[in-house]
Amino acid sequence: MIRTRVLAALTAVVALVVACQTDVHPAPIVGSSYRIDNDKPDPESELFLDVFTTAEECARAKIDETDICRPMVDRAAGEVHLSFMFRDRDTSQPFFIPLSRDQIMVRHDRARQESYELIPHNPRTSGQLYVVIIDGSSSMYDNDGERIRKVNRALLSREVADAFFPGEDGKTGVLLMQFSNDLHQLGGGEPKVITNKAEYRQLVKDHLLTRSGGFTHLYGAVRDGMTKLLVDKDVRQFIASRNAQPTLIVLTDGFNNEEGSDTCGSNVSRLTETLDVVKKARRAGGTAKPMMYTVGLGKRYRPGEKPEGLNQSVTPSGLCGKYLDERIDSNLEVFGIDHISLAWLAEAGGGVSFVKQNYKGLAEVFLTAAAKRYEWFELKYRTPDPIYHRQSFDVSFSLLQGYRSSTEVSIHPNPWFDGPTGKKPPGAAWTELTSLNHTLTVLMPVLGILVFLNYLGAATFNARRAVFRRAKPRRRN
């Protein structure tokens, strides 16, 4: 009888909860007393960052590793584990991108998390077009071609060739371009997309070390690379047939220098114009918009960096500092490279800017630009004090480069009781979810109270009968 009452009471509680919730969210987080809302992507995002909030969402995304795909929160350890993927904002189809730890910002209730782990899953081979644009001005061939030989060695390394051509399916291609006074195919001729390692290596060996010359029309090469080159008939056909994303890698050892009388100040308006062209090309590129990495081969010509903040307007002081009226040719170029311009260009192109001095550093840049794309990502972080888990909190993710993309999800702990504590295997950095039977301990306090109340009611009734002798005798027929 008591068991029936307890079961009926539990059924009533569950029915009441179900009846009051008309949507799947906030959804329960398995193995805890938490619940999680559906994520809310920023409507201004160029690419949607989709957080998985239930096992069903993982299944719909065809992810087999449900146990690590679905969310996990552990109050005792102060840990939050969430997984996500990227989607095309227009079609909602999965979109695969390379993503490293330093390319994403994580916030816990607006507090930026500095310590977290990003784990990529399911590498995918998607269409890619790598456009390598190499400075061919005279300075690259000085000192017996010291600088151009570093580029040559990096491009011919096995690691870089494998990154540019990860398979033999023809999904990836490379355009090898060079610039001085203009942008042109390495070795001359019409732009040709190379789709195999053998042809790629042969082109580098045959033509890269051949001495070139002229001024350094860096900005013009960037403008043409982001516009005219990508609409060339053969290049456009390759991009369309593979749904390929163009990735530009622009390398120079100096400054934008178009005339012998150019000073650093001459480049203020030129850089502004170039940034406008780059931004317009990316806006017109849809989801598979071109990205651009910039590489300075040498050393920074002066201390200081690009002014902080996105979309900062180019100013004479921001670009040149105290060198505004200094000539570039045979003066500033002697000091090093214009790392400020390169940083501005990479930011507008959604990529990263590098300054390297040896072939190993150059190879690392090429590997970064040709990094693998992944289907989905797992992210784990730990708040400094578990007390932050005693009230509802928001978790937000934002991309720092490449695409404008951010989202936020709210997580709610139970105000009455905790879930079972997770387990941390010896030597492990993160807590693991307890087994399913342990999660039943979440219900034990409620069940215990219900059982106690059932016994208490019966015991009180019987006690009153005994004390007041109010038991009635049976009626006789």
Protein backbone atom coordinates (compact mmCIF):
# COMPACT_ATOMS: atom_id res chain seq x y z
CA MET A 1 0.00 0.00 0.00
CA ILE A 2 2.79 2.41 0.98
CA ARG A 3 4.78 1.50 -2.13
CA THR A 4 1.77 2.29 -4.27
CA ARG A 5 1.36 5.67 -2.60
CA VAL A 6 5.05 6.52 -3.09
CA LEU A 7 4.88 5.54 -6.75
CA ALA A 8 1.75 7.58 -7.21
CA ALA A 9 3.39 10.59 -5.55
CA LEU A 10 6.49 10.34 -7.75
CA THR A 11 4.31 9.97 -10.84
CA ALA A 12 2.39 13.08 -9.83
CA VAL A 13 5.59 15.07 -9.37
CA VAL A 14 6.93 14.01 -12.77
CA ALA A 15 3.60 14.69 -14.44
CA LEU A 16 3.49 18.14 -12.86
CA VAL A 17 6.97 18.99 -14.13
CA VAL A 18 6.19 17.71 -17.63
CA ALA A 19 2.88 19.52 -17.73
CA CYS A 20 4.51 22.81 -16.76
CA GLN A 21 7.26 22.60 -19.41
CA THR A 22 6.04 23.05 -22.95
CA ASP A 23 9.48 23.03 -24.58
CA VAL A 24 12.45 20.66 -24.43
CA HIS A 25 14.53 23.48 -22.95
CA PRO A 26 15.75 24.03 -20.35
CA ALA A 27 16.90 20.43 -20.81
CA PRO A 28 18.36 18.28 -18.02
CA ILE A 29 22.14 17.76 -18.09
CA VAL A 30 22.72 14.05 -17.63
CA GLY A 31 24.57 13.12 -14.44
CA SER A 32 23.83 16.40 -12.66
CA SER A 33 21.08 18.49 -11.14
CA TYR A 34 21.63 21.21 -13.78
CA ARG A 35 19.47 22.22 -16.69
CA ILE A 36 20.57 24.00 -19.87
CA ASP A 37 18.79 26.42 -22.19
CA ASN A 38 19.04 26.35 -25.96
CA ASP A 39 21.98 28.39 -27.21
CA LYS A 40 21.39 31.86 -28.65
CA PRO A 41 23.69 32.70 -31.59
CA ASP A 42 24.44 36.35 -32.24
CA PRO A 43 22.18 37.27 -35.19
CA GLU A 44 25.04 39.34 -36.65
CA SER A 45 27.29 36.27 -36.89
CA GLU A 46 28.74 35.47 -40.30
CA LEU A 47 28.94 31.80 -39.27
CA PHE A 48 26.68 30.17 -36.67
CA LEU A 49 28.37 28.52 -33.70
CA ASP A 50 25.93 25.79 -32.63
CA VAL A 51 26.30 24.44 -29.06
CA PHE A 52 24.98 20.91 -28.45
CA THR A 53 22.64 21.05 -25.46
CA THR A 54 21.11 17.53 -25.60
CA ALA A 55 22.06 14.04 -26.72
CA GLU A 56 19.32 14.30 -29.35
CA GLU A 57 21.07 17.30 -30.94
CA CYS A 58 24.30 15.27 -31.10
CA ALA A 59 22.42 12.44 -32.79
CA ARG A 60 20.84 14.77 -35.36
CA ALA A 61 24.34 16.04 -36.19
CA LYS A 62 25.34 12.37 -36.76
CA ILE A 63 27.88 12.40 -33.95
CA ASP A 64 28.41 8.91 -32.52
CA GLU A 65 30.35 9.95 -29.40
CA THR A 66 27.26 11.05 -27.50
CA ASP A 67 28.84 10.74 -24.06
CA ILE A 68 31.38 13.46 -24.81
CA CYS A 69 29.24 15.47 -27.22
CA ARG A 70 26.43 16.24 -24.79
CA PRO A 71 26.99 18.85 -22.06
CA MET A 72 28.49 17.99 -18.69
CA VAL A 73 28.79 20.13 -15.56
CA ASP A 74 30.40 19.14 -12.27
CA ARG A 75 29.79 21.47 -9.34
CA ALA A 76 32.39 19.97 -6.99
CA ALA A 77 35.19 20.39 -9.57
CA GLY A 78 33.83 23.66 -10.97
CA GLU A 79 34.01 22.22 -14.49
CA VAL A 80 31.94 22.88 -17.61
CA HIS A 81 32.24 20.68 -20.71
CA LEU A 82 30.42 21.80 -23.86
CA SER A 83 30.65 20.78 -27.51
CA PHE A 84 29.80 22.71 -30.66
CA MET A 85 30.03 22.82 -34.43
CA PHE A 86 29.77 25.55 -37.06
CA ARG A 87 26.93 25.94 -39.54
CA ASP A 88 26.37 28.00 -42.66
CA ARG A 89 24.08 30.83 -41.58
CA ASP A 90 22.06 30.62 -44.82
CA THR A 91 21.65 26.84 -45.24
CA SER A 92 22.27 25.58 -41.65
CA GLN A 93 24.53 22.92 -43.15
CA PRO A 94 27.70 21.94 -41.22
CA PHE A 95 30.70 24.09 -42.08
CA PHE A 96 34.18 22.77 -41.35
CA ILE A 97 36.94 25.16 -40.26
CA PRO A 98 40.35 24.93 -38.63
CA LEU A 99 40.24 26.20 -35.05
CA SER A 100 42.98 26.50 -32.46
CA ARG A 101 42.78 27.42 -28.81
CA ASP A 102 43.98 30.99 -29.34
CA GLN A 103 41.29 31.66 -31.95
CA ILE A 104 38.31 31.47 -29.58
CA MET A 105 37.33 33.42 -26.47
CA VAL A 106 35.37 31.77 -23.65
CA ARG A 107 33.46 33.74 -21.02
CA HIS A 108 31.77 32.49 -17.85
CA ASP A 109 29.28 35.15 -16.77
CA ARG A 110 31.29 37.78 -18.67
CA ALA A 111 34.54 36.70 -16.97
CA ARG A 112 37.05 35.65 -19.62
CA GLN A 113 38.46 32.17 -19.06
CA GLU A 114 42.19 31.92 -19.65
CA SER A 115 42.58 28.22 -18.88
CA TYR A 116 40.62 25.84 -21.08
CA GLU A 117 41.13 22.94 -23.46
CA LEU A 118 39.85 22.72 -27.03
CA ILE A 119 39.60 19.24 -28.53
CA PRO A 120 38.83 18.92 -32.28
CA HIS A 121 36.93 15.87 -33.55
CA ASN A 122 36.46 14.21 -36.94
CA PRO A 123 38.94 15.84 -39.34
CA ARG A 124 37.35 16.52 -42.70
CA THR A 125 38.84 17.12 -46.12
CA SER A 126 36.98 20.03 -47.66
CA GLY A 127 37.69 22.12 -50.72
CA GLN A 128 40.57 24.56 -50.26
CA LEU A 129 42.51 26.88 -52.51
CA TYR A 130 45.83 28.10 -51.12
CA VAL A 131 47.08 31.26 -52.83
CA VAL A 132 50.76 31.78 -51.96
CA ILE A 133 51.83 35.33 -52.89
CA ILE A 134 55.60 35.80 -52.61
CA ASP A 135 57.59 39.03 -52.70
CA GLY A 136 59.81 38.98 -55.80
CA SER A 137 61.52 42.36 -55.29
CA SER A 138 65.30 42.72 -55.50
CA SER A 139 65.87 42.61 -51.73
CA MET A 140 64.56 39.03 -51.56
CA TYR A 141 67.54 37.95 -53.73
CA ASP A 142 70.26 39.93 -51.99
CA ASN A 143 73.13 38.16 -50.22
CA ASP A 144 73.09 35.28 -52.69
CA GLY A 145 69.31 34.92 -52.33
CA GLU A 146 69.42 34.36 -48.58
CA ARG A 147 65.75 35.20 -47.99
CA ILE A 148 64.23 33.59 -51.07
CA ARG A 149 66.14 30.39 -50.28
CA LYS A 150 64.40 30.24 -46.89
CA VAL A 151 61.04 30.48 -48.64
CA ASN A 152 62.11 27.83 -51.13
CA ARG A 153 63.17 25.43 -48.38
CA ALA A 154 59.94 25.93 -46.43
CA LEU A 155 57.68 25.39 -49.45
CA LEU A 156 59.53 22.22 -50.46
CA SER A 157 59.42 20.66 -46.99
CA ARG A 158 57.43 17.45 -46.81
CA GLU A 159 55.22 18.77 -44.00
CA VAL A 160 54.11 21.82 -45.98
CA ALA A 161 53.50 19.86 -49.18
CA ASP A 162 51.43 17.30 -47.24
CA ALA A 163 49.41 20.10 -45.62
CA PHE A 164 48.64 21.73 -48.98
CA PHE A 165 47.73 18.36 -50.52
CA PRO A 166 46.34 16.14 -47.71
CA GLY A 167 44.82 13.68 -50.19
CA GLU A 168 44.85 12.70 -53.83
CA ASP A 169 41.21 13.57 -54.38
CA GLY A 170 41.88 16.95 -56.00
CA LYS A 171 39.80 18.85 -53.44
CA THR A 172 42.70 21.16 -52.60
CA GLY A 173 44.70 23.31 -54.97
CA VAL A 174 47.61 25.78 -54.80
CA LEU A 175 48.23 28.97 -56.75
CA LEU A 176 51.88 30.06 -56.65
CA MET A 177 52.06 33.78 -57.34
CA GLN A 178 54.83 36.38 -57.18
CA PHE A 179 54.80 40.16 -57.09
CA SER A 180 57.09 43.12 -57.48
CA ASN A 181 55.58 45.81 -59.73
CA ASP A 182 52.58 43.55 -60.42
CA LEU A 183 51.07 40.20 -59.40
CA HIS A 184 51.80 37.28 -61.72
CA GLN A 185 52.00 33.50 -61.86
CA LEU A 186 55.33 32.13 -60.64
CA GLY A 187 57.30 31.41 -63.80
CA GLY A 188 54.90 33.47 -65.96
CA GLY A 189 51.77 32.62 -67.91
CA GLU A 190 48.13 32.52 -66.89
CA PRO A 191 47.20 31.64 -63.28
CA LYS A 192 47.13 27.87 -62.91
CA VAL A 193 45.69 25.93 -59.99
CA ILE A 194 48.03 23.06 -59.09
CA THR A 195 46.30 19.97 -57.73
CA ASN A 196 49.16 17.54 -57.07
CA LYS A 197 52.43 17.55 -55.11
CA ALA A 198 54.70 16.63 -58.00
CA GLU A 199 53.70 19.59 -60.16
CA TYR A 200 53.78 21.89 -57.14
CA ARG A 201 57.35 20.90 -56.21
CA GLN A 202 58.55 21.14 -59.80
CA LEU A 203 57.21 24.68 -60.20
CA VAL A 204 58.92 25.83 -57.00
CA LYS A 205 62.24 24.20 -57.99
CA ASP A 206 62.19 25.58 -61.53
CA HIS A 207 61.22 29.20 -60.90
CA LEU A 208 61.31 30.47 -57.32
CA LEU A 209 65.08 30.99 -57.13
CA THR A 210 65.20 32.76 -60.51
CA ARG A 211 66.12 36.33 -59.73
CA SER A 212 63.38 38.92 -60.15
CA GLY A 213 63.40 42.63 -59.35
CA GLY A 214 61.47 45.86 -59.10
CA PHE A 215 59.66 47.78 -56.39
CA THR A 216 57.48 46.17 -53.72
CA HIS A 217 53.85 46.79 -54.71
CA LEU A 218 52.57 44.87 -51.69
CA TYR A 219 49.18 46.56 -51.43
CA GLY A 220 48.50 46.19 -55.14
CA ALA A 221 49.29 42.47 -54.95
CA VAL A 222 46.85 42.09 -52.05
CA ARG A 223 44.09 43.96 -53.87
CA ASP A 224 44.54 41.94 -57.05
CA GLY A 225 44.82 38.68 -55.10
CA MET A 226 41.51 39.30 -53.33
CA THR A 227 39.66 40.43 -56.47
CA LYS A 228 40.99 39.91 -60.02
CA LEU A 229 42.78 36.64 -59.32
CA LEU A 230 39.78 34.96 -57.68
CA VAL A 231 37.48 35.79 -60.60
CA ASP A 232 39.89 34.45 -63.23
CA LYS A 233 37.98 31.87 -65.28
CA ASP A 234 39.99 28.78 -64.28
CA VAL A 235 40.37 29.87 -60.68
CA ARG A 236 36.66 30.62 -60.39
CA GLN A 237 35.81 27.24 -61.89
CA PHE A 238 38.02 25.43 -59.36
CA ILE A 239 36.43 27.30 -56.45
CA ALA A 240 32.90 26.60 -57.67
CA SER A 241 33.44 22.90 -58.47
CA ARG A 242 35.02 22.12 -55.06
CA ASN A 243 33.12 24.70 -53.02
CA ALA A 244 36.65 25.74 -52.06
CA GLN A 245 37.56 28.48 -49.63
CA PRO A 246 40.46 30.67 -50.85
CA THR A 247 43.24 31.20 -48.30
CA LEU A 248 45.83 33.82 -49.23
CA ILE A 249 49.32 33.70 -47.71
CA VAL A 250 51.14 36.96 -48.48
CA LEU A 251 54.89 37.09 -47.79
CA THR A 252 57.24 40.08 -47.95
CA ASP A 253 60.59 41.21 -46.54
CA GLY A 254 59.90 44.96 -46.54
CA PHE A 255 57.35 47.74 -47.05
CA ASN A 256 54.84 48.68 -49.67
CA ASN A 257 57.14 50.76 -51.89
CA GLU A 258 55.86 52.03 -55.23
CA GLU A 259 58.28 54.89 -55.98
CA GLY A 260 61.79 55.82 -54.92
CA SER A 261 60.52 58.91 -53.09
CA ASP A 262 57.93 57.03 -50.99
CA THR A 263 57.91 57.68 -47.26
CA CYS A 264 56.04 55.76 -44.57
CA GLY A 265 53.39 58.49 -44.67
CA SER A 266 52.79 57.79 -48.36
CA ASN A 267 51.24 54.48 -47.38
CA VAL A 268 48.50 55.81 -45.08
CA SER A 269 45.93 56.43 -47.83
CA ARG A 270 47.12 53.41 -49.85
CA LEU A 271 46.65 51.05 -46.91
CA THR A 272 43.22 52.50 -46.18
CA GLU A 273 42.16 51.85 -49.78
CA THR A 274 43.54 48.30 -49.66
CA LEU A 275 41.75 47.47 -46.40
CA ASP A 276 38.46 48.65 -47.93
CA VAL A 277 39.00 46.35 -50.93
CA VAL A 278 39.80 43.37 -48.68
CA LYS A 279 36.73 43.89 -46.49
CA LYS A 280 34.45 44.31 -49.51
CA ALA A 281 35.82 41.11 -51.08
CA ARG A 282 35.13 39.17 -47.91
CA ARG A 283 31.59 40.53 -47.60
CA ALA A 284 30.90 39.44 -51.19
CA GLY A 285 32.39 35.99 -50.67
CA GLY A 286 29.46 34.41 -48.81
CA THR A 287 30.31 31.80 -46.19
CA ALA A 288 33.37 30.50 -48.06
CA LYS A 289 34.86 33.97 -48.06
CA PRO A 290 38.58 34.43 -48.74
CA MET A 291 40.92 34.56 -45.76
CA MET A 292 44.35 36.14 -45.67
CA TYR A 293 47.48 35.47 -43.64
CA THR A 294 50.45 37.82 -43.83
CA VAL A 295 54.10 36.97 -43.22
CA GLY A 296 57.02 39.29 -42.63
CA LEU A 297 60.38 37.68 -43.36
CA GLY A 298 62.88 39.48 -41.18
CA LYS A 299 62.52 41.67 -38.09
CA ARG A 300 60.17 44.46 -37.05
CA TYR A 301 61.49 47.83 -38.19
CA ARG A 302 60.42 49.54 -34.95
CA PRO A 303 58.91 48.77 -31.56
CA GLY A 304 55.16 48.91 -31.28
CA GLU A 305 52.16 47.13 -32.72
CA LYS A 306 49.00 47.94 -34.62
CA PRO A 307 46.54 50.01 -32.54
CA GLU A 308 44.24 47.72 -30.56
CA GLY A 309 40.66 47.13 -31.61
CA LEU A 310 38.93 45.84 -34.73
CA ASN A 311 38.35 48.11 -37.70
CA GLN A 312 40.60 50.88 -36.42
CA SER A 313 41.09 53.57 -39.06
CA VAL A 314 44.61 53.93 -40.40
CA THR A 315 46.25 57.07 -39.05
CA PRO A 316 49.74 58.48 -39.69
CA SER A 317 50.74 57.95 -36.07
CA GLY A 318 49.21 54.48 -35.90
CA LEU A 319 51.02 53.30 -39.03
CA CYS A 320 54.33 55.12 -38.79
CA GLY A 321 54.91 56.46 -35.32
CA LYS A 322 57.87 58.86 -35.43
CA TYR A 323 58.93 57.58 -38.89
CA LEU A 324 56.16 59.36 -40.80
CA ASP A 325 58.48 61.32 -43.11
CA GLU A 326 61.25 58.74 -43.39
CA ARG A 327 61.95 57.38 -46.87
CA ILE A 328 61.30 53.66 -47.35
CA ASP A 329 63.84 52.83 -50.06
CA SER A 330 67.35 52.39 -48.64
CA ASN A 331 66.24 53.69 -45.23
CA LEU A 332 63.30 52.11 -43.40
CA GLU A 333 63.74 48.83 -45.27
CA VAL A 334 67.23 48.61 -43.81
CA PHE A 335 65.70 48.53 -40.34
CA GLY A 336 63.29 45.68 -41.11
CA ILE A 337 59.75 44.98 -42.28
CA ASP A 338 56.51 46.93 -41.97
CA HIS A 339 54.85 44.63 -39.45
CA ILE A 340 52.16 47.25 -38.74
CA SER A 341 50.79 47.11 -42.28
CA LEU A 342 50.90 43.32 -42.26
CA ALA A 343 48.90 43.18 -39.03
CA TRP A 344 46.25 45.53 -40.44
CA LEU A 345 45.95 43.48 -43.63
CA ALA A 346 45.66 40.15 -41.80
CA GLU A 347 42.98 41.52 -39.49
CA ALA A 348 40.89 42.77 -42.42
CA GLY A 349 41.42 39.41 -44.13
CA GLY A 350 40.26 37.40 -41.12
CA GLY A 351 43.64 35.75 -40.62
CA VAL A 352 46.81 36.14 -38.60
CA SER A 353 50.02 38.08 -39.13
CA PHE A 354 53.45 36.56 -38.48
CA VAL A 355 57.04 37.79 -38.34
CA LYS A 356 59.59 35.03 -38.99
CA GLN A 357 63.32 34.93 -39.63
CA ASN A 358 64.09 31.34 -40.65
CA TYR A 359 62.68 28.62 -42.85
CA LYS A 360 61.27 26.65 -39.89
CA GLY A 361 59.21 29.66 -38.87
CA LEU A 362 57.95 30.05 -42.44
CA ALA A 363 57.02 26.38 -42.58
CA GLU A 364 54.99 26.83 -39.38
CA VAL A 365 53.07 29.69 -41.02
CA PHE A 366 52.22 27.60 -44.07
CA LEU A 367 51.12 24.75 -41.81
CA THR A 368 48.90 27.10 -39.81
CA ALA A 369 47.23 28.44 -42.94
CA ALA A 370 46.71 24.90 -44.24
CA ALA A 371 45.52 23.47 -40.92
CA LYS A 372 43.01 20.62 -40.94
CA ARG A 373 39.28 21.34 -40.85
CA TYR A 374 37.20 19.57 -38.20
CA GLU A 375 33.55 18.57 -37.93
CA TRP A 376 32.99 19.50 -34.28
CA PHE A 377 34.86 20.64 -31.18
CA GLU A 378 34.82 19.83 -27.48
CA LEU A 379 35.69 22.60 -25.01
CA LYS A 380 36.42 22.20 -21.30
CA TYR A 381 37.11 24.84 -18.69
CA ARG A 382 37.23 25.10 -14.92
CA THR A 383 36.06 28.09 -12.89
CA PRO A 384 38.46 29.12 -10.11
CA ASP A 385 35.85 28.60 -7.39
CA PRO A 386 32.93 26.11 -7.51
CA ILE A 387 30.82 28.67 -5.64
CA TYR A 388 30.20 30.22 -9.06
CA HIS A 389 28.03 27.15 -9.76
CA ARG A 390 25.51 27.98 -7.01
CA GLN A 391 23.44 30.19 -9.29
CA SER A 392 22.50 30.35 -12.95
CA PHE A 393 25.31 31.45 -15.25
CA ASP A 394 25.91 32.17 -18.93
CA VAL A 395 28.65 30.69 -21.09
CA SER A 396 29.60 32.54 -24.27
CA PHE A 397 31.93 31.62 -27.14
CA SER A 398 33.34 34.11 -29.65
CA LEU A 399 35.70 33.67 -32.57
CA LEU A 400 38.63 36.07 -32.51
CA GLN A 401 39.60 35.79 -36.16
CA GLY A 402 38.42 34.48 -39.49
CA TYR A 403 34.66 34.91 -39.08
CA ARG A 404 32.46 37.04 -36.88
CA SER A 405 30.71 34.38 -34.80
CA SER A 406 29.50 34.18 -31.22
CA THR A 407 26.83 32.46 -29.16
CA GLU A 408 25.64 32.24 -25.56
CA VAL A 409 24.01 29.49 -23.52
CA SER A 410 22.51 29.66 -20.01
CA ILE A 411 22.98 26.90 -17.41
CA HIS A 412 20.86 26.57 -14.27
CA PRO A 413 21.82 24.57 -11.14
CA ASN A 414 19.17 23.13 -8.84
CA PRO A 415 18.82 25.39 -5.78
CA TRP A 416 18.08 22.48 -3.40
CA PHE A 417 20.54 19.69 -4.03
CA ASP A 418 23.66 18.69 -5.97
CA GLY A 419 24.15 15.97 -8.52
CA PRO A 420 26.62 13.15 -7.95
CA THR A 421 30.27 14.16 -8.00
CA GLY A 422 32.22 13.08 -11.06
CA LYS A 423 35.38 11.00 -10.99
CA LYS A 424 38.88 12.05 -12.02
CA PRO A 425 41.02 9.07 -13.10
CA PRO A 426 44.65 9.06 -11.88
CA GLY A 427 46.73 11.47 -13.94
CA ALA A 428 43.69 12.88 -15.77
CA ALA A 429 43.23 16.63 -16.14
CA TRP A 430 39.44 16.60 -16.26
CA THR A 431 36.56 15.00 -14.40
CA GLU A 432 34.57 12.23 -16.03
CA LEU A 433 30.83 11.67 -15.77
CA THR A 434 29.71 9.12 -13.18
CA SER A 435 27.87 6.02 -14.38
CA LEU A 436 24.13 6.17 -14.98
CA ASN A 437 23.17 4.32 -11.79
CA HIS A 438 24.96 6.96 -9.75
CA THR A 439 22.85 9.70 -11.29
CA LEU A 440 19.83 8.19 -9.52
CA THR A 441 21.23 9.58 -6.27
CA VAL A 442 19.93 12.95 -7.41
CA LEU A 443 16.39 11.70 -6.75
CA MET A 444 17.10 10.06 -3.40
CA PRO A 445 16.49 13.16 -1.22
CA VAL A 446 13.07 13.69 -2.81
CA LEU A 447 12.21 10.00 -2.63
CA GLY A 448 13.29 9.84 1.01
CA ILE A 449 11.08 12.76 1.95
CA LEU A 450 8.07 11.22 0.22
CA VAL A 451 8.60 7.85 1.92
CA PHE A 452 9.03 9.55 5.29
CA LEU A 453 5.83 11.52 4.89
CA ASN A 454 3.89 8.35 3.97
CA TYR A 455 5.13 6.52 7.07
CA LEU A 456 4.60 9.59 9.24
CA GLY A 457 0.98 9.94 8.19
CA ALA A 458 0.15 6.31 8.91
CA ALA A 459 2.04 6.28 12.20
CA THR A 460 0.34 9.46 13.42
CA PHE A 461 -3.08 8.07 12.60
CA ASN A 462 -2.45 4.80 14.45
CA ALA A 463 -1.00 6.65 17.42
CA ARG A 464 -4.09 8.81 17.71
CA ARG A 465 -6.32 5.74 17.62
CA ALA A 466 -4.34 4.13 20.40
CA VAL A 467 -4.29 7.20 22.62
CA PHE A 468 -7.88 8.26 22.26
CA ARG A 469 -9.32 4.72 21.88
CA ARG A 470 -11.44 5.76 18.98
CA ALA A 471 -11.33 2.44 17.13
CA LYS A 472 -14.89 1.40 16.36
CA PRO A 473 -16.02 -2.20 16.83
CA ARG A 474 -17.23 -4.12 13.83
CA ARG A 475 -20.96 -4.11 13.21
CA ARG A 476 -22.81 -7.38 13.58
CA ASN A 477 -25.41 -8.40 11.11
